[in-house]
Amino acid sequence: DLFAYNMFLRPSTEELEDLHADWTVIQAPGFLAD
């Protein structure tokens, strides 16, 4: 999560009020595919 904070643009508190995700990234290192 710190990496995401560092690397992407950080919305202000005001922007968060109306910010709705266009894309979702789900990262789960502990989940292994079969």
PDB file of all heavy atoms in Angstrom:
ATOM      1  N   ASP A   1       0.835  -1.200   0.000  1.00  0.00           N
ATOM      2  CA  ASP A   1       0.000   0.000   0.000  1.00  0.00           C
ATOM      3  C   ASP A   1       0.870   1.251   0.000  1.00  0.00           C
ATOM      4  O   ASP A   1       0.545   2.256  -0.657  1.00  0.00           O
ATOM      5  CB  ASP A   1      -0.912  -0.017   1.231  1.00  0.00           C
ATOM      6  CG  ASP A   1      -1.973   1.061   1.185  1.00  0.00           C
ATOM      7  OD1 ASP A   1      -2.538   1.299   0.109  1.00  0.00           O
ATOM      8  OD2 ASP A   1      -2.230   1.683   2.233  1.00  0.00           O
ATOM      9  N   LEU A   2       2.003   1.208   0.703  1.00  0.00           N
ATOM     10  CA  LEU A   2       2.947   2.325   0.681  1.00  0.00           C
ATOM     11  C   LEU A   2       3.489   2.525  -0.732  1.00  0.00           C
ATOM     12  O   LEU A   2       3.655   3.669  -1.181  1.00  0.00           O
ATOM     13  CB  LEU A   2       4.088   2.066   1.660  1.00  0.00           C
ATOM     14  CG  LEU A   2       5.196   3.127   1.700  1.00  0.00           C
ATOM     15  CD1 LEU A   2       4.647   4.480   2.149  1.00  0.00           C
ATOM     16  CD2 LEU A   2       6.331   2.689   2.639  1.00  0.00           C
ATOM     17  N   PHE A   3       3.754   1.441  -1.439  1.00  0.00           N
ATOM     18  CA  PHE A   3       4.214   1.540  -2.824  1.00  0.00           C
ATOM     19  C   PHE A   3       3.177   2.273  -3.673  1.00  0.00           C
ATOM     20  O   PHE A   3       3.515   3.167  -4.459  1.00  0.00           O
ATOM     21  CB  PHE A   3       4.472   0.146  -3.393  1.00  0.00           C
ATOM     22  CG  PHE A   3       4.842   0.137  -4.851  1.00  0.00           C
ATOM     23  CD1 PHE A   3       6.152   0.346  -5.249  1.00  0.00           C
ATOM     24  CD2 PHE A   3       3.878  -0.080  -5.828  1.00  0.00           C
ATOM     25  CE1 PHE A   3       6.498   0.350  -6.596  1.00  0.00           C
ATOM     26  CE2 PHE A   3       4.215  -0.078  -7.182  1.00  0.00           C
ATOM     27  CZ  PHE A   3       5.530   0.132  -7.563  1.00  0.00           C
ATOM     28  N   ALA A   4       1.903   1.899  -3.517  1.00  0.00           N
ATOM     29  CA  ALA A   4       0.844   2.556  -4.286  1.00  0.00           C
ATOM     30  C   ALA A   4       0.755   4.035  -3.928  1.00  0.00           C
ATOM     31  O   ALA A   4       0.552   4.885  -4.807  1.00  0.00           O
ATOM     32  CB  ALA A   4      -0.496   1.860  -4.036  1.00  0.00           C
ATOM     33  N   TYR A   5       0.922   4.356  -2.651  1.00  0.00           N
ATOM     34  CA  TYR A   5       0.920   5.767  -2.233  1.00  0.00           C
ATOM     35  C   TYR A   5       2.063   6.529  -2.907  1.00  0.00           C
ATOM     36  O   TYR A   5       1.877   7.641  -3.409  1.00  0.00           O
ATOM     37  CB  TYR A   5       1.066   5.860  -0.715  1.00  0.00           C
ATOM     38  CG  TYR A   5       1.232   7.281  -0.218  1.00  0.00           C
ATOM     39  CD1 TYR A   5       0.132   8.074   0.071  1.00  0.00           C
ATOM     40  CD2 TYR A   5       2.503   7.840  -0.050  1.00  0.00           C
ATOM     41  CE1 TYR A   5       0.280   9.392   0.496  1.00  0.00           C
ATOM     42  CE2 TYR A   5       2.675   9.149   0.366  1.00  0.00           C
ATOM     43  CZ  TYR A   5       1.554   9.915   0.642  1.00  0.00           C
ATOM     44  OH  TYR A   5       1.719  11.221   1.065  1.00  0.00           O
ATOM     45  N   ASN A   6       3.233   5.927  -2.923  1.00  0.00           N
ATOM     46  CA  ASN A   6       4.406   6.588  -3.504  1.00  0.00           C
ATOM     47  C   ASN A   6       4.279   6.775  -5.009  1.00  0.00           C
ATOM     48  O   ASN A   6       4.662   7.812  -5.557  1.00  0.00           O
ATOM     49  CB  ASN A   6       5.671   5.780  -3.214  1.00  0.00           C
ATOM     50  CG  ASN A   6       6.141   5.906  -1.781  1.00  0.00           C
ATOM     51  OD1 ASN A   6       5.708   6.792  -1.056  1.00  0.00           O
ATOM     52  ND2 ASN A   6       7.027   5.023  -1.369  1.00  0.00           N
ATOM     53  N   MET A   7       3.756   5.763  -5.697  1.00  0.00           N
ATOM     54  CA  MET A   7       3.887   5.715  -7.147  1.00  0.00           C
ATOM     55  C   MET A   7       2.763   6.392  -7.917  1.00  0.00           C
ATOM     56  O   MET A   7       2.971   6.846  -9.035  1.00  0.00           O
ATOM     57  CB  MET A   7       3.997   4.256  -7.613  1.00  0.00           C
ATOM     58  CG  MET A   7       5.305   3.596  -7.233  1.00  0.00           C
ATOM     59  SD  MET A   7       6.769   4.550  -7.712  1.00  0.00           S
ATOM     60  CE  MET A   7       6.507   4.713  -9.464  1.00  0.00           C
ATOM     61  N   PHE A   8       1.574   6.435  -7.358  1.00  0.00           N
ATOM     62  CA  PHE A   8       0.466   7.030  -8.093  1.00  0.00           C
ATOM     63  C   PHE A   8       0.153   8.408  -7.540  1.00  0.00           C
ATOM     64  O   PHE A   8       0.633   8.806  -6.475  1.00  0.00           O
ATOM     65  CB  PHE A   8      -0.757   6.111  -8.036  1.00  0.00           C
ATOM     66  CG  PHE A   8      -0.507   4.766  -8.672  1.00  0.00           C
ATOM     67  CD1 PHE A   8      -0.514   3.600  -7.915  1.00  0.00           C
ATOM     68  CD2 PHE A   8      -0.239   4.667 -10.024  1.00  0.00           C
ATOM     69  CE1 PHE A   8      -0.269   2.370  -8.485  1.00  0.00           C
ATOM     70  CE2 PHE A   8       0.015   3.437 -10.616  1.00  0.00           C
ATOM     71  CZ  PHE A   8      -0.008   2.289  -9.846  1.00  0.00           C
ATOM     72  N   LEU A   9      -0.645   9.157  -8.285  1.00  0.00           N
ATOM     73  CA  LEU A   9      -1.022  10.500  -7.848  1.00  0.00           C
ATOM     74  C   LEU A   9      -1.978  10.391  -6.665  1.00  0.00           C
ATOM     75  O   LEU A   9      -2.878   9.542  -6.642  1.00  0.00           O
ATOM     76  CB  LEU A   9      -1.675  11.251  -9.009  1.00  0.00           C
ATOM     77  CG  LEU A   9      -0.707  11.551 -10.166  1.00  0.00           C
ATOM     78  CD1 LEU A   9      -1.477  11.814 -11.452  1.00  0.00           C
ATOM     79  CD2 LEU A   9       0.185  12.733  -9.829  1.00  0.00           C
ATOM     80  N   ARG A  10      -1.794  11.255  -5.697  1.00  0.00           N
ATOM     81  CA  ARG A  10      -2.490  11.169  -4.426  1.00  0.00           C
ATOM     82  C   ARG A  10      -3.644  12.183  -4.377  1.00  0.00           C
ATOM     83  O   ARG A  10      -3.410  13.398  -4.377  1.00  0.00           O
ATOM     84  CB  ARG A  10      -1.485  11.425  -3.288  1.00  0.00           C
ATOM     85  CG  ARG A  10      -0.408  10.341  -3.237  1.00  0.00           C
ATOM     86  CD  ARG A  10       0.846  10.759  -2.503  1.00  0.00           C
ATOM     87  NE  ARG A  10       1.688  11.663  -3.301  1.00  0.00           N
ATOM     88  CZ  ARG A  10       2.528  11.269  -4.249  1.00  0.00           C
ATOM     89  NH1 ARG A  10       2.655   9.998  -4.541  1.00  0.00           N
ATOM     90  NH2 ARG A  10       3.247  12.157  -4.912  1.00  0.00           N
ATOM     91  N   PRO A  11      -4.898  11.712  -4.332  1.00  0.00           N
ATOM     92  CA  PRO A  11      -6.038  12.626  -4.306  1.00  0.00           C
ATOM     93  C   PRO A  11      -6.130  13.369  -2.979  1.00  0.00           C
ATOM     94  O   PRO A  11      -5.747  12.852  -1.929  1.00  0.00           O
ATOM     95  CB  PRO A  11      -7.238  11.706  -4.506  1.00  0.00           C
ATOM     96  CG  PRO A  11      -6.782  10.377  -3.995  1.00  0.00           C
ATOM     97  CD  PRO A  11      -5.316  10.296  -4.297  1.00  0.00           C
ATOM     98  N   SER A  12      -6.651  14.580  -3.025  1.00  0.00           N
ATOM     99  CA  SER A  12      -6.900  15.342  -1.796  1.00  0.00           C
ATOM    100  C   SER A  12      -8.141  14.788  -1.099  1.00  0.00           C
ATOM    101  O   SER A  12      -8.907  13.997  -1.675  1.00  0.00           O
ATOM    102  CB  SER A  12      -7.123  16.816  -2.136  1.00  0.00           C
ATOM    103  OG  SER A  12      -8.315  16.961  -2.900  1.00  0.00           O
ATOM    104  N   THR A  13      -8.340  15.200   0.120  1.00  0.00           N
ATOM    105  CA  THR A  13      -9.526  14.769   0.872  1.00  0.00           C
ATOM    106  C   THR A  13     -10.789  15.190   0.129  1.00  0.00           C
ATOM    107  O   THR A  13     -11.767  14.433   0.066  1.00  0.00           O
ATOM    108  CB  THR A  13      -9.515  15.379   2.280  1.00  0.00           C
ATOM    109  OG1 THR A  13      -8.322  14.964   2.953  1.00  0.00           O
ATOM    110  CG2 THR A  13     -10.723  14.920   3.079  1.00  0.00           C
ATOM    111  N   GLU A  14     -10.769  16.378  -0.454  1.00  0.00           N
ATOM    112  CA  GLU A  14     -11.935  16.857  -1.193  1.00  0.00           C
ATOM    113  C   GLU A  14     -12.183  15.990  -2.434  1.00  0.00           C
ATOM    114  O   GLU A  14     -13.337  15.668  -2.758  1.00  0.00           O
ATOM    115  CB  GLU A  14     -11.733  18.313  -1.621  1.00  0.00           C
ATOM    116  CG  GLU A  14     -11.715  19.315  -0.476  1.00  0.00           C
ATOM    117  CD  GLU A  14     -10.425  19.270   0.333  1.00  0.00           C
ATOM    118  OE1 GLU A  14      -9.397  18.768  -0.198  1.00  0.00           O
ATOM    119  OE2 GLU A  14     -10.435  19.708   1.501  1.00  0.00           O
ATOM    120  N   GLU A  15     -11.115  15.607  -3.132  1.00  0.00           N
ATOM    121  CA  GLU A  15     -11.271  14.770  -4.316  1.00  0.00           C
ATOM    122  C   GLU A  15     -11.836  13.405  -3.962  1.00  0.00           C
ATOM    123  O   GLU A  15     -12.585  12.797  -4.742  1.00  0.00           O
ATOM    124  CB  GLU A  15      -9.930  14.610  -5.030  1.00  0.00           C
ATOM    125  CG  GLU A  15      -9.455  15.843  -5.780  1.00  0.00           C
ATOM    126  CD  GLU A  15      -8.094  15.644  -6.409  1.00  0.00           C
ATOM    127  OE1 GLU A  15      -7.148  15.294  -5.684  1.00  0.00           O
ATOM    128  OE2 GLU A  15      -7.979  15.842  -7.636  1.00  0.00           O
ATOM    129  N   LEU A  16     -11.484  12.894  -2.787  1.00  0.00           N
ATOM    130  CA  LEU A  16     -11.963  11.572  -2.383  1.00  0.00           C
ATOM    131  C   LEU A  16     -13.479  11.520  -2.246  1.00  0.00           C
ATOM    132  O   LEU A  16     -14.088  10.452  -2.397  1.00  0.00           O
ATOM    133  CB  LEU A  16     -11.315  11.153  -1.062  1.00  0.00           C
ATOM    134  CG  LEU A  16      -9.899  10.596  -1.125  1.00  0.00           C
ATOM    135  CD1 LEU A  16      -9.357  10.374   0.274  1.00  0.00           C
ATOM    136  CD2 LEU A  16      -9.852   9.298  -1.924  1.00  0.00           C
ATOM    137  N   GLU A  17     -14.097  12.655  -1.945  1.00  0.00           N
ATOM    138  CA  GLU A  17     -15.544  12.689  -1.750  1.00  0.00           C
ATOM    139  C   GLU A  17     -16.279  12.130  -2.963  1.00  0.00           C
ATOM    140  O   GLU A  17     -17.280  11.426  -2.832  1.00  0.00           O
ATOM    141  CB  GLU A  17     -16.009  14.133  -1.488  1.00  0.00           C
ATOM    142  CG  GLU A  17     -15.536  14.723  -0.170  1.00  0.00           C
ATOM    143  CD  GLU A  17     -16.332  14.224   1.033  1.00  0.00           C
ATOM    144  OE1 GLU A  17     -17.256  13.403   0.833  1.00  0.00           O
ATOM    145  OE2 GLU A  17     -16.008  14.646   2.150  1.00  0.00           O
ATOM    146  N   ASP A  18     -15.790  12.459  -4.156  1.00  0.00           N
ATOM    147  CA  ASP A  18     -16.482  12.051  -5.380  1.00  0.00           C
ATOM    148  C   ASP A  18     -15.624  11.129  -6.250  1.00  0.00           C
ATOM    149  O   ASP A  18     -15.897  10.973  -7.443  1.00  0.00           O
ATOM    150  CB  ASP A  18     -16.869  13.290  -6.193  1.00  0.00           C
ATOM    151  CG  ASP A  18     -17.841  14.186  -5.448  1.00  0.00           C
ATOM    152  OD1 ASP A  18     -18.825  13.656  -4.910  1.00  0.00           O
ATOM    153  OD2 ASP A  18     -17.592  15.406  -5.386  1.00  0.00           O
ATOM    154  N   LEU A  19     -14.603  10.540  -5.673  1.00  0.00           N
ATOM    155  CA  LEU A  19     -13.713   9.685  -6.452  1.00  0.00           C
ATOM    156  C   LEU A  19     -14.257   8.259  -6.490  1.00  0.00           C
ATOM    157  O   LEU A  19     -14.430   7.618  -5.449  1.00  0.00           O
ATOM    158  CB  LEU A  19     -12.300   9.712  -5.864  1.00  0.00           C
ATOM    159  CG  LEU A  19     -11.197   9.093  -6.730  1.00  0.00           C
ATOM    160  CD1 LEU A  19      -9.868   9.800  -6.471  1.00  0.00           C
ATOM    161  CD2 LEU A  19     -11.037   7.606  -6.433  1.00  0.00           C
ATOM    162  N   HIS A  20     -14.529   7.794  -7.671  1.00  0.00           N
ATOM    163  CA  HIS A  20     -15.014   6.420  -7.853  1.00  0.00           C
ATOM    164  C   HIS A  20     -14.083   5.715  -8.840  1.00  0.00           C
ATOM    165  O   HIS A  20     -13.743   6.253  -9.893  1.00  0.00           O
ATOM    166  CB  HIS A  20     -16.460   6.413  -8.356  1.00  0.00           C
ATOM    167  CG  HIS A  20     -17.413   7.078  -7.416  1.00  0.00           C
ATOM    168  ND1 HIS A  20     -17.872   6.476  -6.266  1.00  0.00           N
ATOM    169  CD2 HIS A  20     -17.944   8.324  -7.439  1.00  0.00           C
ATOM    170  CE1 HIS A  20     -18.674   7.299  -5.631  1.00  0.00           C
ATOM    171  NE2 HIS A  20     -18.740   8.438  -6.306  1.00  0.00           N
ATOM    172  N   ALA A  21     -13.685   4.537  -8.477  1.00  0.00           N
ATOM    173  CA  ALA A  21     -12.644   3.834  -9.228  1.00  0.00           C
ATOM    174  C   ALA A  21     -13.089   3.503 -10.651  1.00  0.00           C
ATOM    175  O   ALA A  21     -14.173   2.967 -10.865  1.00  0.00           O
ATOM    176  CB  ALA A  21     -12.248   2.563  -8.491  1.00  0.00           C
ATOM    177  N   ASP A  22     -12.217   3.844 -11.610  1.00  0.00           N
ATOM    178  CA  ASP A  22     -12.399   3.379 -12.984  1.00  0.00           C
ATOM    179  C   ASP A  22     -11.824   1.974 -13.132  1.00  0.00           C
ATOM    180  O   ASP A  22     -12.362   1.161 -13.892  1.00  0.00           O
ATOM    181  CB  ASP A  22     -11.688   4.325 -13.959  1.00  0.00           C
ATOM    182  CG  ASP A  22     -12.202   5.750 -13.885  1.00  0.00           C
ATOM    183  OD1 ASP A  22     -13.425   5.937 -13.964  1.00  0.00           O
ATOM    184  OD2 ASP A  22     -11.376   6.672 -13.740  1.00  0.00           O
ATOM    185  N   TRP A  23     -10.711   1.726 -12.429  1.00  0.00           N
ATOM    186  CA  TRP A  23     -10.026   0.440 -12.478  1.00  0.00           C
ATOM    187  C   TRP A  23      -9.711  -0.035 -11.064  1.00  0.00           C
ATOM    188  O   TRP A  23      -9.459   0.788 -10.174  1.00  0.00           O
ATOM    189  CB  TRP A  23      -8.723   0.553 -13.271  1.00  0.00           C
ATOM    190  CG  TRP A  23      -8.919   0.479 -14.749  1.00  0.00           C
ATOM    191  CD1 TRP A  23      -9.309   1.495 -15.583  1.00  0.00           C
ATOM    192  CD2 TRP A  23      -8.742  -0.679 -15.572  1.00  0.00           C
ATOM    193  NE1 TRP A  23      -9.381   1.032 -16.875  1.00  0.00           N
ATOM    194  CE2 TRP A  23      -9.028  -0.289 -16.899  1.00  0.00           C
ATOM    195  CE3 TRP A  23      -8.353  -1.990 -15.322  1.00  0.00           C
ATOM    196  CZ2 TRP A  23      -8.965  -1.186 -17.968  1.00  0.00           C
ATOM    197  CZ3 TRP A  23      -8.266  -2.876 -16.383  1.00  0.00           C
ATOM    198  CH2 TRP A  23      -8.578  -2.471 -17.687  1.00  0.00           C
ATOM    199  N   THR A  24      -9.724  -1.350 -10.890  1.00  0.00           N
ATOM    200  CA  THR A  24      -9.375  -1.951  -9.608  1.00  0.00           C
ATOM    201  C   THR A  24      -8.187  -2.895  -9.797  1.00  0.00           C
ATOM    202  O   THR A  24      -8.182  -3.715 -10.729  1.00  0.00           O
ATOM    203  CB  THR A  24     -10.561  -2.741  -9.023  1.00  0.00           C
ATOM    204  OG1 THR A  24     -11.652  -1.853  -8.810  1.00  0.00           O
ATOM    205  CG2 THR A  24     -10.178  -3.399  -7.697  1.00  0.00           C
ATOM    206  N   VAL A  25      -7.194  -2.753  -8.935  1.00  0.00           N
ATOM    207  CA  VAL A  25      -6.046  -3.663  -8.913  1.00  0.00           C
ATOM    208  C   VAL A  25      -6.094  -4.441  -7.611  1.00  0.00           C
ATOM    209  O   VAL A  25      -6.132  -3.844  -6.527  1.00  0.00           O
ATOM    210  CB  VAL A  25      -4.707  -2.892  -9.004  1.00  0.00           C
ATOM    211  CG1 VAL A  25      -3.536  -3.870  -8.956  1.00  0.00           C
ATOM    212  CG2 VAL A  25      -4.654  -2.037 -10.257  1.00  0.00           C
ATOM    213  N   ILE A  26      -6.110  -5.738  -7.701  1.00  0.00           N
ATOM    214  CA  ILE A  26      -6.112  -6.598  -6.515  1.00  0.00           C
ATOM    215  C   ILE A  26      -4.816  -7.397  -6.509  1.00  0.00           C
ATOM    216  O   ILE A  26      -4.561  -8.188  -7.420  1.00  0.00           O
ATOM    217  CB  ILE A  26      -7.323  -7.545  -6.493  1.00  0.00           C
ATOM    218  CG1 ILE A  26      -8.624  -6.753  -6.543  1.00  0.00           C
ATOM    219  CG2 ILE A  26      -7.286  -8.432  -5.248  1.00  0.00           C
ATOM    220  CD1 ILE A  26      -9.880  -7.614  -6.633  1.00  0.00           C
ATOM    221  N   GLN A  27      -3.993  -7.170  -5.488  1.00  0.00           N
ATOM    222  CA  GLN A  27      -2.715  -7.857  -5.375  1.00  0.00           C
ATOM    223  C   GLN A  27      -2.725  -8.743  -4.131  1.00  0.00           C
ATOM    224  O   GLN A  27      -2.912  -8.263  -3.011  1.00  0.00           O
ATOM    225  CB  GLN A  27      -1.560  -6.856  -5.283  1.00  0.00           C
ATOM    226  CG  GLN A  27      -0.182  -7.522  -5.282  1.00  0.00           C
ATOM    227  CD  GLN A  27       0.749  -6.984  -4.215  1.00  0.00           C
ATOM    228  OE1 GLN A  27       0.313  -6.589  -3.142  1.00  0.00           O
ATOM    229  NE2 GLN A  27       2.040  -6.976  -4.504  1.00  0.00           N
ATOM    230  N   ALA A  28      -2.546 -10.046  -4.340  1.00  0.00           N
ATOM    231  CA  ALA A  28      -2.549 -11.004  -3.240  1.00  0.00           C
ATOM    232  C   ALA A  28      -1.370 -11.955  -3.397  1.00  0.00           C
ATOM    233  O   ALA A  28      -1.502 -13.028  -3.995  1.00  0.00           O
ATOM    234  CB  ALA A  28      -3.864 -11.786  -3.203  1.00  0.00           C
ATOM    235  N   PRO A  29      -0.193 -11.576  -2.882  1.00  0.00           N
ATOM    236  CA  PRO A  29       0.990 -12.431  -3.035  1.00  0.00           C
ATOM    237  C   PRO A  29       0.806 -13.830  -2.457  1.00  0.00           C
ATOM    238  O   PRO A  29       1.403 -14.791  -2.962  1.00  0.00           O
ATOM    239  CB  PRO A  29       2.072 -11.654  -2.273  1.00  0.00           C
ATOM    240  CG  PRO A  29       1.616 -10.238  -2.300  1.00  0.00           C
ATOM    241  CD  PRO A  29       0.122 -10.305  -2.220  1.00  0.00           C
ATOM    242  N   GLY A  30      -0.014 -13.942  -1.417  1.00  0.00           N
ATOM    243  CA  GLY A  30      -0.200 -15.241  -0.782  1.00  0.00           C
ATOM    244  C   GLY A  30      -1.154 -16.159  -1.506  1.00  0.00           C
ATOM    245  O   GLY A  30      -1.260 -17.344  -1.169  1.00  0.00           O
ATOM    246  N   PHE A  31      -1.864 -15.649  -2.489  1.00  0.00           N
ATOM    247  CA  PHE A  31      -2.793 -16.477  -3.249  1.00  0.00           C
ATOM    248  C   PHE A  31      -2.067 -17.114  -4.424  1.00  0.00           C
ATOM    249  O   PHE A  31      -1.470 -16.421  -5.252  1.00  0.00           O
ATOM    250  CB  PHE A  31      -3.979 -15.659  -3.762  1.00  0.00           C
ATOM    251  CG  PHE A  31      -4.864 -16.440  -4.701  1.00  0.00           C
ATOM    252  CD1 PHE A  31      -5.766 -17.362  -4.206  1.00  0.00           C
ATOM    253  CD2 PHE A  31      -4.761 -16.272  -6.081  1.00  0.00           C
ATOM    254  CE1 PHE A  31      -6.571 -18.102  -5.068  1.00  0.00           C
ATOM    255  CE2 PHE A  31      -5.553 -17.005  -6.941  1.00  0.00           C
ATOM    256  CZ  PHE A  31      -6.464 -17.921  -6.435  1.00  0.00           C
ATOM    257  N   LEU A  32      -2.125 -18.425  -4.515  1.00  0.00           N
ATOM    258  CA  LEU A  32      -1.435 -19.164  -5.570  1.00  0.00           C
ATOM    259  C   LEU A  32      -2.456 -19.809  -6.500  1.00  0.00           C
ATOM    260  O   LEU A  32      -3.407 -20.451  -6.043  1.00  0.00           O
ATOM    261  CB  LEU A  32      -0.530 -20.241  -4.972  1.00  0.00           C
ATOM    262  CG  LEU A  32       0.523 -19.761  -3.965  1.00  0.00           C
ATOM    263  CD1 LEU A  32       1.331 -20.939  -3.441  1.00  0.00           C
ATOM    264  CD2 LEU A  32       1.435 -18.715  -4.588  1.00  0.00           C
ATOM    265  N   ALA A  33      -2.255 -19.621  -7.781  1.00  0.00           N
ATOM    266  CA  ALA A  33      -3.148 -20.221  -8.767  1.00  0.00           C
ATOM    267  C   ALA A  33      -2.852 -21.706  -8.926  1.00  0.00           C
ATOM    268  O   ALA A  33      -1.755 -22.184  -8.609  1.00  0.00           O
ATOM    269  CB  ALA A  33      -2.993 -19.519 -10.107  1.00  0.00           C
ATOM    270  N   ASP A  34      -3.837 -22.426  -9.410  1.00  0.00           N
ATOM    271  CA  ASP A  34      -3.670 -23.828  -9.796  1.00  0.00           C
ATOM    272  C   ASP A  34      -3.644 -23.865 -11.324  1.00  0.00           C
ATOM    273  O   ASP A  34      -4.682 -23.742 -11.969  1.00  0.00           O
ATOM    274  CB  ASP A  34      -4.840 -24.656  -9.261  1.00  0.00           C
ATOM    275  CG  ASP A  34      -4.705 -26.140  -9.589  1.00  0.00           C
ATOM    276  OD1 ASP A  34      -3.884 -26.492 -10.466  1.00  0.00           O
ATOM    277  OD2 ASP A  34      -5.421 -26.953  -8.977  1.00  0.00           O
TER     278      ASP A  34
END
